[in-house]
Amino acid sequence: MNETLSFSEIKERFVSEWVLIVNPETDKDLSIKKGEILWHSKDRDEVYRKAREIHPAHSAIIFTGQLPDNVAVIL
């Protein structure tokens, strides 16, 4: 895909999808401001497989949807 988008553009274009972003630009709180979209899918495992396959040096994976209340996020 290799297209750079702002965070709001990513959320608009890839609704409720997992998105692999390379070379993300972040603010002081490490929130993503924009980045190059390398892969996206509704299937989380597919995005993680792609990340392992490519081994990008600097990347982030985000989910653009609403996580259910019973889901815990571990960093």
PDB file of N, CA and C in Angstrom:
ATOM      1  N   MET A   1       0.838  -1.186   0.000  1.00  0.00           N
ATOM      2  CA  MET A   1       0.000   0.000   0.000  1.00  0.00           C
ATOM      3  C   MET A   1       0.881   1.247   0.000  1.00  0.00           C
ATOM      4  N   ASN A   2       1.792   1.385   0.948  1.00  0.00           N
ATOM      5  CA  ASN A   2       2.775   2.458   0.989  1.00  0.00           C
ATOM      6  C   ASN A   2       2.194   3.850   0.753  1.00  0.00           C
ATOM      7  N   GLU A   3       1.258   4.244   1.582  1.00  0.00           N
ATOM      8  CA  GLU A   3       0.634   5.555   1.489  1.00  0.00           C
ATOM      9  C   GLU A   3       0.680   6.197   2.870  1.00  0.00           C
ATOM     10  N   THR A   4       1.130   7.442   2.960  1.00  0.00           N
ATOM     11  CA  THR A   4       1.203   8.139   4.235  1.00  0.00           C
ATOM     12  C   THR A   4      -0.098   8.886   4.487  1.00  0.00           C
ATOM     13  N   LEU A   5      -0.673   8.640   5.664  1.00  0.00           N
ATOM     14  CA  LEU A   5      -1.948   9.262   6.046  1.00  0.00           C
ATOM     15  C   LEU A   5      -1.859   9.794   7.462  1.00  0.00           C
ATOM     16  N   SER A   6      -2.682  10.792   7.773  1.00  0.00           N
ATOM     17  CA  SER A   6      -2.797  11.268   9.149  1.00  0.00           C
ATOM     18  C   SER A   6      -3.606  10.247   9.951  1.00  0.00           C
ATOM     19  N   PHE A   7      -3.549  10.362  11.269  1.00  0.00           N
ATOM     20  CA  PHE A   7      -4.280   9.429  12.120  1.00  0.00           C
ATOM     21  C   PHE A   7      -5.774   9.482  11.832  1.00  0.00           C
ATOM     22  N   SER A   8      -6.323  10.675  11.648  1.00  0.00           N
ATOM     23  CA  SER A   8      -7.763  10.784  11.368  1.00  0.00           C
ATOM     24  C   SER A   8      -8.108  10.174  10.012  1.00  0.00           C
ATOM     25  N   GLU A   9      -7.231  10.326   9.020  1.00  0.00           N
ATOM     26  CA  GLU A   9      -7.467   9.702   7.715  1.00  0.00           C
ATOM     27  C   GLU A   9      -7.432   8.177   7.821  1.00  0.00           C
ATOM     28  N   ILE A  10      -6.525   7.669   8.631  1.00  0.00           N
ATOM     29  CA  ILE A  10      -6.434   6.213   8.844  1.00  0.00           C
ATOM     30  C   ILE A  10      -7.738   5.697   9.440  1.00  0.00           C
ATOM     31  N   LYS A  11      -8.237   6.376  10.481  1.00  0.00           N
ATOM     32  CA  LYS A  11      -9.482   5.947  11.129  1.00  0.00           C
ATOM     33  C   LYS A  11     -10.679   6.023  10.188  1.00  0.00           C
ATOM     34  N   GLU A  12     -10.707   7.027   9.318  1.00  0.00           N
ATOM     35  CA  GLU A  12     -11.816   7.180   8.362  1.00  0.00           C
ATOM     36  C   GLU A  12     -11.779   6.099   7.282  1.00  0.00           C
ATOM     37  N   ARG A  13     -10.601   5.822   6.779  1.00  0.00           N
ATOM     38  CA  ARG A  13     -10.467   4.909   5.648  1.00  0.00           C
ATOM     39  C   ARG A  13     -10.535   3.433   6.054  1.00  0.00           C
ATOM     40  N   PHE A  14     -10.027   3.101   7.232  1.00  0.00           N
ATOM     41  CA  PHE A  14      -9.951   1.702   7.655  1.00  0.00           C
ATOM     42  C   PHE A  14     -10.785   1.489   8.917  1.00  0.00           C
ATOM     43  N   VAL A  15     -12.077   1.604   8.785  1.00  0.00           N
ATOM     44  CA  VAL A  15     -13.005   1.513   9.917  1.00  0.00           C
ATOM     45  C   VAL A  15     -12.984   0.103  10.511  1.00  0.00           C
ATOM     46  N   SER A  16     -12.766   0.028  11.810  1.00  0.00           N
ATOM     47  CA  SER A  16     -12.735  -1.239  12.564  1.00  0.00           C
ATOM     48  C   SER A  16     -11.772  -2.248  11.948  1.00  0.00           C
ATOM     49  N   GLU A  17     -10.578  -1.759  11.566  1.00  0.00           N
ATOM     50  CA  GLU A  17      -9.542  -2.633  11.025  1.00  0.00           C
ATOM     51  C   GLU A  17      -8.258  -2.498  11.824  1.00  0.00           C
ATOM     52  N   TRP A  18      -7.416  -3.505  11.694  1.00  0.00           N
ATOM     53  CA  TRP A  18      -6.062  -3.492  12.232  1.00  0.00           C
ATOM     54  C   TRP A  18      -5.171  -2.926  11.145  1.00  0.00           C
ATOM     55  N   VAL A  19      -4.293  -1.988  11.519  1.00  0.00           N
ATOM     56  CA  VAL A  19      -3.476  -1.289  10.528  1.00  0.00           C
ATOM     57  C   VAL A  19      -2.012  -1.334  10.955  1.00  0.00           C
ATOM     58  N   LEU A  20      -1.148  -1.774  10.032  1.00  0.00           N
ATOM     59  CA  LEU A  20       0.296  -1.785  10.250  1.00  0.00           C
ATOM     60  C   LEU A  20       0.862  -0.496   9.668  1.00  0.00           C
ATOM     61  N   ILE A  21       1.467   0.312  10.517  1.00  0.00           N
ATOM     62  CA  ILE A  21       2.013   1.609  10.125  1.00  0.00           C
ATOM     63  C   ILE A  21       3.526   1.554  10.283  1.00  0.00           C
ATOM     64  N   VAL A  22       4.251   1.925   9.233  1.00  0.00           N
ATOM     65  CA  VAL A  22       5.707   2.004   9.335  1.00  0.00           C
ATOM     66  C   VAL A  22       6.115   3.468   9.412  1.00  0.00           C
ATOM     67  N   ASN A  23       7.223   3.691  10.106  1.00  0.00           N
ATOM     68  CA  ASN A  23       7.749   5.043  10.317  1.00  0.00           C
ATOM     69  C   ASN A  23       6.681   5.996  10.840  1.00  0.00           C
ATOM     70  N   PRO A  24       5.987   5.587  11.924  1.00  0.00           N
ATOM     71  CA  PRO A  24       4.941   6.468  12.444  1.00  0.00           C
ATOM     72  C   PRO A  24       5.538   7.745  13.032  1.00  0.00           C
ATOM     73  N   GLU A  25       4.866   8.843  12.790  1.00  0.00           N
ATOM     74  CA  GLU A  25       5.234  10.101  13.425  1.00  0.00           C
ATOM     75  C   GLU A  25       4.366  10.238  14.664  1.00  0.00           C
ATOM     76  N   THR A  26       4.998  10.466  15.814  1.00  0.00           N
ATOM     77  CA  THR A  26       4.260  10.527  17.072  1.00  0.00           C
ATOM     78  C   THR A  26       4.443  11.887  17.744  1.00  0.00           C
ATOM     79  N   ASP A  27       3.528  12.166  18.682  1.00  0.00           N
ATOM     80  CA  ASP A  27       3.682  13.381  19.476  1.00  0.00           C
ATOM     81  C   ASP A  27       4.477  13.037  20.737  1.00  0.00           C
ATOM     82  N   LYS A  28       4.583  13.978  21.666  1.00  0.00           N
ATOM     83  CA  LYS A  28       5.390  13.761  22.877  1.00  0.00           C
ATOM     84  C   LYS A  28       4.845  12.634  23.753  1.00  0.00           C
ATOM     85  N   ASP A  29       3.542  12.330  23.622  1.00  0.00           N
ATOM     86  CA  ASP A  29       2.925  11.248  24.396  1.00  0.00           C
ATOM     87  C   ASP A  29       2.954   9.921  23.647  1.00  0.00           C
ATOM     88  N   LEU A  30       3.653   9.888  22.506  1.00  0.00           N
ATOM     89  CA  LEU A  30       3.774   8.712  21.639  1.00  0.00           C
ATOM     90  C   LEU A  30       2.465   8.316  20.968  1.00  0.00           C
ATOM     91  N   SER A  31       1.516   9.241  20.900  1.00  0.00           N
ATOM     92  CA  SER A  31       0.298   9.013  20.127  1.00  0.00           C
ATOM     93  C   SER A  31       0.636   9.221  18.658  1.00  0.00           C
ATOM     94  N   ILE A  32       0.093   8.381  17.805  1.00  0.00           N
ATOM     95  CA  ILE A  32       0.411   8.453  16.387  1.00  0.00           C
ATOM     96  C   ILE A  32      -0.278   9.652  15.741  1.00  0.00           C
ATOM     97  N   LYS A  33       0.525  10.459  15.037  1.00  0.00           N
ATOM     98  CA  LYS A  33       0.006  11.602  14.293  1.00  0.00           C
ATOM     99  C   LYS A  33      -0.214  11.242  12.834  1.00  0.00           C
ATOM    100  N   LYS A  34       0.734  10.512  12.247  1.00  0.00           N
ATOM    101  CA  LYS A  34       0.609  10.048  10.865  1.00  0.00           C
ATOM    102  C   LYS A  34       1.639   8.964  10.615  1.00  0.00           C
ATOM    103  N   GLY A  35       1.482   8.269   9.494  1.00  0.00           N
ATOM    104  CA  GLY A  35       2.433   7.229   9.157  1.00  0.00           C
ATOM    105  C   GLY A  35       2.127   6.597   7.816  1.00  0.00           C
ATOM    106  N   GLU A  36       3.045   5.775   7.377  1.00  0.00           N
ATOM    107  CA  GLU A  36       2.923   5.085   6.105  1.00  0.00           C
ATOM    108  C   GLU A  36       2.179   3.763   6.323  1.00  0.00           C
ATOM    109  N   ILE A  37       1.081   3.570   5.639  1.00  0.00           N
ATOM    110  CA  ILE A  37       0.269   2.365   5.775  1.00  0.00           C
ATOM    111  C   ILE A  37       0.906   1.252   4.948  1.00  0.00           C
ATOM    112  N   LEU A  38       1.267   0.183   5.626  1.00  0.00           N
ATOM    113  CA  LEU A  38       1.893  -0.926   4.935  1.00  0.00           C
ATOM    114  C   LEU A  38       0.912  -2.077   4.705  1.00  0.00           C
ATOM    115  N   TRP A  39      -0.009  -2.280   5.657  1.00  0.00           N
ATOM    116  CA  TRP A  39      -0.957  -3.385   5.552  1.00  0.00           C
ATOM    117  C   TRP A  39      -2.150  -3.088   6.437  1.00  0.00           C
ATOM    118  N   HIS A  40      -3.312  -3.600   6.065  1.00  0.00           N
ATOM    119  CA  HIS A  40      -4.497  -3.451   6.912  1.00  0.00           C
ATOM    120  C   HIS A  40      -5.410  -4.645   6.675  1.00  0.00           C
ATOM    121  N   SER A  41      -6.200  -4.975   7.701  1.00  0.00           N
ATOM    122  CA  SER A  41      -7.119  -6.102   7.600  1.00  0.00           C
ATOM    123  C   SER A  41      -8.088  -6.069   8.777  1.00  0.00           C
ATOM    124  N   LYS A  42      -9.241  -6.684   8.586  1.00  0.00           N
ATOM    125  CA  LYS A  42     -10.170  -6.894   9.708  1.00  0.00           C
ATOM    126  C   LYS A  42      -9.641  -7.990  10.630  1.00  0.00           C
ATOM    127  N   ASP A  43      -8.727  -8.823  10.101  1.00  0.00           N
ATOM    128  CA  ASP A  43      -8.155  -9.950  10.836  1.00  0.00           C
ATOM    129  C   ASP A  43      -6.838  -9.541  11.497  1.00  0.00           C
ATOM    130  N   ARG A  44      -6.847  -9.420  12.797  1.00  0.00           N
ATOM    131  CA  ARG A  44      -5.667  -9.010  13.553  1.00  0.00           C
ATOM    132  C   ARG A  44      -4.473  -9.909  13.283  1.00  0.00           C
ATOM    133  N   ASP A  45      -4.707 -11.226  13.264  1.00  0.00           N
ATOM    134  CA  ASP A  45      -3.604 -12.159  13.067  1.00  0.00           C
ATOM    135  C   ASP A  45      -2.926 -11.975  11.717  1.00  0.00           C
ATOM    136  N   GLU A  46      -3.695 -11.619  10.702  1.00  0.00           N
ATOM    137  CA  GLU A  46      -3.114 -11.387   9.377  1.00  0.00           C
ATOM    138  C   GLU A  46      -2.136 -10.211   9.412  1.00  0.00           C
ATOM    139  N   VAL A  47      -2.490  -9.154  10.131  1.00  0.00           N
ATOM    140  CA  VAL A  47      -1.623  -7.981  10.226  1.00  0.00           C
ATOM    141  C   VAL A  47      -0.350  -8.327  10.996  1.00  0.00           C
ATOM    142  N   TYR A  48      -0.482  -9.090  12.079  1.00  0.00           N
ATOM    143  CA  TYR A  48       0.700  -9.485  12.844  1.00  0.00           C
ATOM    144  C   TYR A  48       1.596 -10.416  12.035  1.00  0.00           C
ATOM    145  N   ARG A  49       1.000 -11.311  11.237  1.00  0.00           N
ATOM    146  CA  ARG A  49       1.807 -12.182  10.369  1.00  0.00           C
ATOM    147  C   ARG A  49       2.589 -11.349   9.360  1.00  0.00           C
ATOM    148  N   LYS A  50       1.956 -10.355   8.787  1.00  0.00           N
ATOM    149  CA  LYS A  50       2.617  -9.498   7.811  1.00  0.00           C
ATOM    150  C   LYS A  50       3.768  -8.737   8.471  1.00  0.00           C
ATOM    151  N   ALA A  51       3.564  -8.256   9.670  1.00  0.00           N
ATOM    152  CA  ALA A  51       4.623  -7.539  10.386  1.00  0.00           C
ATOM    153  C   ALA A  51       5.815  -8.459  10.647  1.00  0.00           C
ATOM    154  N   ARG A  52       5.543  -9.710  11.034  1.00  0.00           N
ATOM    155  CA  ARG A  52       6.642 -10.667  11.263  1.00  0.00           C
ATOM    156  C   ARG A  52       7.360 -10.992   9.962  1.00  0.00           C
ATOM    157  N   GLU A  53       6.627 -11.054   8.881  1.00  0.00           N
ATOM    158  CA  GLU A  53       7.206 -11.368   7.572  1.00  0.00           C
ATOM    159  C   GLU A  53       8.134 -10.243   7.096  1.00  0.00           C
ATOM    160  N   ILE A  54       7.709  -9.009   7.266  1.00  0.00           N
ATOM    161  CA  ILE A  54       8.442  -7.855   6.753  1.00  0.00           C
ATOM    162  C   ILE A  54       9.539  -7.378   7.708  1.00  0.00           C
ATOM    163  N   HIS A  55       9.319  -7.518   8.993  1.00  0.00           N
ATOM    164  CA  HIS A  55      10.253  -7.043  10.029  1.00  0.00           C
ATOM    165  C   HIS A  55      10.587  -5.563   9.879  1.00  0.00           C
ATOM    166  N   PRO A  56       9.589  -4.688   9.880  1.00  0.00           N
ATOM    167  CA  PRO A  56       9.902  -3.261   9.743  1.00  0.00           C
ATOM    168  C   PRO A  56      10.691  -2.765  10.955  1.00  0.00           C
ATOM    169  N   ALA A  57      11.648  -1.889  10.721  1.00  0.00           N
ATOM    170  CA  ALA A  57      12.507  -1.391  11.800  1.00  0.00           C
ATOM    171  C   ALA A  57      11.734  -0.520  12.794  1.00  0.00           C
ATOM    172  N   HIS A  58      10.828   0.292  12.298  1.00  0.00           N
ATOM    173  CA  HIS A  58      10.072   1.211  13.152  1.00  0.00           C
ATOM    174  C   HIS A  58       8.619   1.142  12.721  1.00  0.00           C
ATOM    175  N   SER A  59       7.763   0.577  13.570  1.00  0.00           N
ATOM    176  CA  SER A  59       6.374   0.379  13.162  1.00  0.00           C
ATOM    177  C   SER A  59       5.428   0.437  14.351  1.00  0.00           C
ATOM    178  N   ALA A  60       4.141   0.459  14.024  1.00  0.00           N
ATOM    179  CA  ALA A  60       3.076   0.406  15.020  1.00  0.00           C
ATOM    180  C   ALA A  60       1.900  -0.332  14.406  1.00  0.00           C
ATOM    181  N   ILE A  61       1.145  -1.008  15.252  1.00  0.00           N
ATOM    182  CA  ILE A  61      -0.087  -1.652  14.821  1.00  0.00           C
ATOM    183  C   ILE A  61      -1.205  -1.060  15.668  1.00  0.00           C
ATOM    184  N   ILE A  62      -2.238  -0.574  14.981  1.00  0.00           N
ATOM    185  CA  ILE A  62      -3.367   0.015  15.700  1.00  0.00           C
ATOM    186  C   ILE A  62      -4.661  -0.649  15.255  1.00  0.00           C
ATOM    187  N   PHE A  63      -5.669  -0.556  16.127  1.00  0.00           N
ATOM    188  CA  PHE A  63      -7.023  -0.983  15.795  1.00  0.00           C
ATOM    189  C   PHE A  63      -7.874   0.272  15.751  1.00  0.00           C
ATOM    190  N   THR A  64      -8.597   0.470  14.663  1.00  0.00           N
ATOM    191  CA  THR A  64      -9.347   1.711  14.485  1.00  0.00           C
ATOM    192  C   THR A  64     -10.773   1.656  15.016  1.00  0.00           C
ATOM    193  N   GLY A  65     -11.183   0.514  15.522  1.00  0.00           N
ATOM    194  CA  GLY A  65     -12.547   0.373  16.029  1.00  0.00           C
ATOM    195  C   GLY A  65     -12.613   0.535  17.529  1.00  0.00           C
ATOM    196  N   GLN A  66     -13.765   0.233  18.080  1.00  0.00           N
ATOM    197  CA  GLN A  66     -14.013   0.293  19.511  1.00  0.00           C
ATOM    198  C   GLN A  66     -13.781  -1.093  20.097  1.00  0.00           C
ATOM    199  N   LEU A  67     -12.879  -1.206  21.062  1.00  0.00           N
ATOM    200  CA  LEU A  67     -12.652  -2.496  21.712  1.00  0.00           C
ATOM    201  C   LEU A  67     -13.793  -2.781  22.681  1.00  0.00           C
ATOM    202  N   PRO A  68     -14.224  -4.052  22.762  1.00  0.00           N
ATOM    203  CA  PRO A  68     -15.277  -4.418  23.708  1.00  0.00           C
ATOM    204  C   PRO A  68     -14.830  -4.160  25.151  1.00  0.00           C
ATOM    205  N   ASP A  69     -15.777  -3.945  26.032  1.00  0.00           N
ATOM    206  CA  ASP A  69     -15.471  -3.653  27.430  1.00  0.00           C
ATOM    207  C   ASP A  69     -14.708  -4.780  28.113  1.00  0.00           C
ATOM    208  N   ASN A  70     -14.877  -6.013  27.675  1.00  0.00           N
ATOM    209  CA  ASN A  70     -14.246  -7.141  28.353  1.00  0.00           C
ATOM    210  C   ASN A  70     -12.861  -7.474  27.789  1.00  0.00           C
ATOM    211  N   VAL A  71     -12.254  -6.551  27.026  1.00  0.00           N
ATOM    212  CA  VAL A  71     -10.946  -6.767  26.441  1.00  0.00           C
ATOM    213  C   VAL A  71      -9.915  -5.948  27.200  1.00  0.00           C
ATOM    214  N   ALA A  72      -8.794  -6.591  27.532  1.00  0.00           N
ATOM    215  CA  ALA A  72      -7.680  -5.892  28.192  1.00  0.00           C
ATOM    216  C   ALA A  72      -6.574  -5.683  27.181  1.00  0.00           C
ATOM    217  N   VAL A  73      -5.953  -4.510  27.237  1.00  0.00           N
ATOM    218  CA  VAL A  73      -4.833  -4.196  26.360  1.00  0.00           C
ATOM    219  C   VAL A  73      -3.567  -4.241  27.196  1.00  0.00           C
ATOM    220  N   ILE A  74      -2.590  -5.024  26.755  1.00  0.00           N
ATOM    221  CA  ILE A  74      -1.326  -5.159  27.472  1.00  0.00           C
ATOM    222  C   ILE A  74      -0.225  -4.617  26.575  1.00  0.00           C
ATOM    223  N   LEU A  75       0.537  -3.690  27.116  1.00  0.00           N
ATOM    224  CA  LEU A  75       1.633  -3.087  26.342  1.00  0.00           C
ATOM    225  C   LEU A  75       2.952  -3.657  26.791  1.00  0.00           C
TER     226      LEU A  75
END
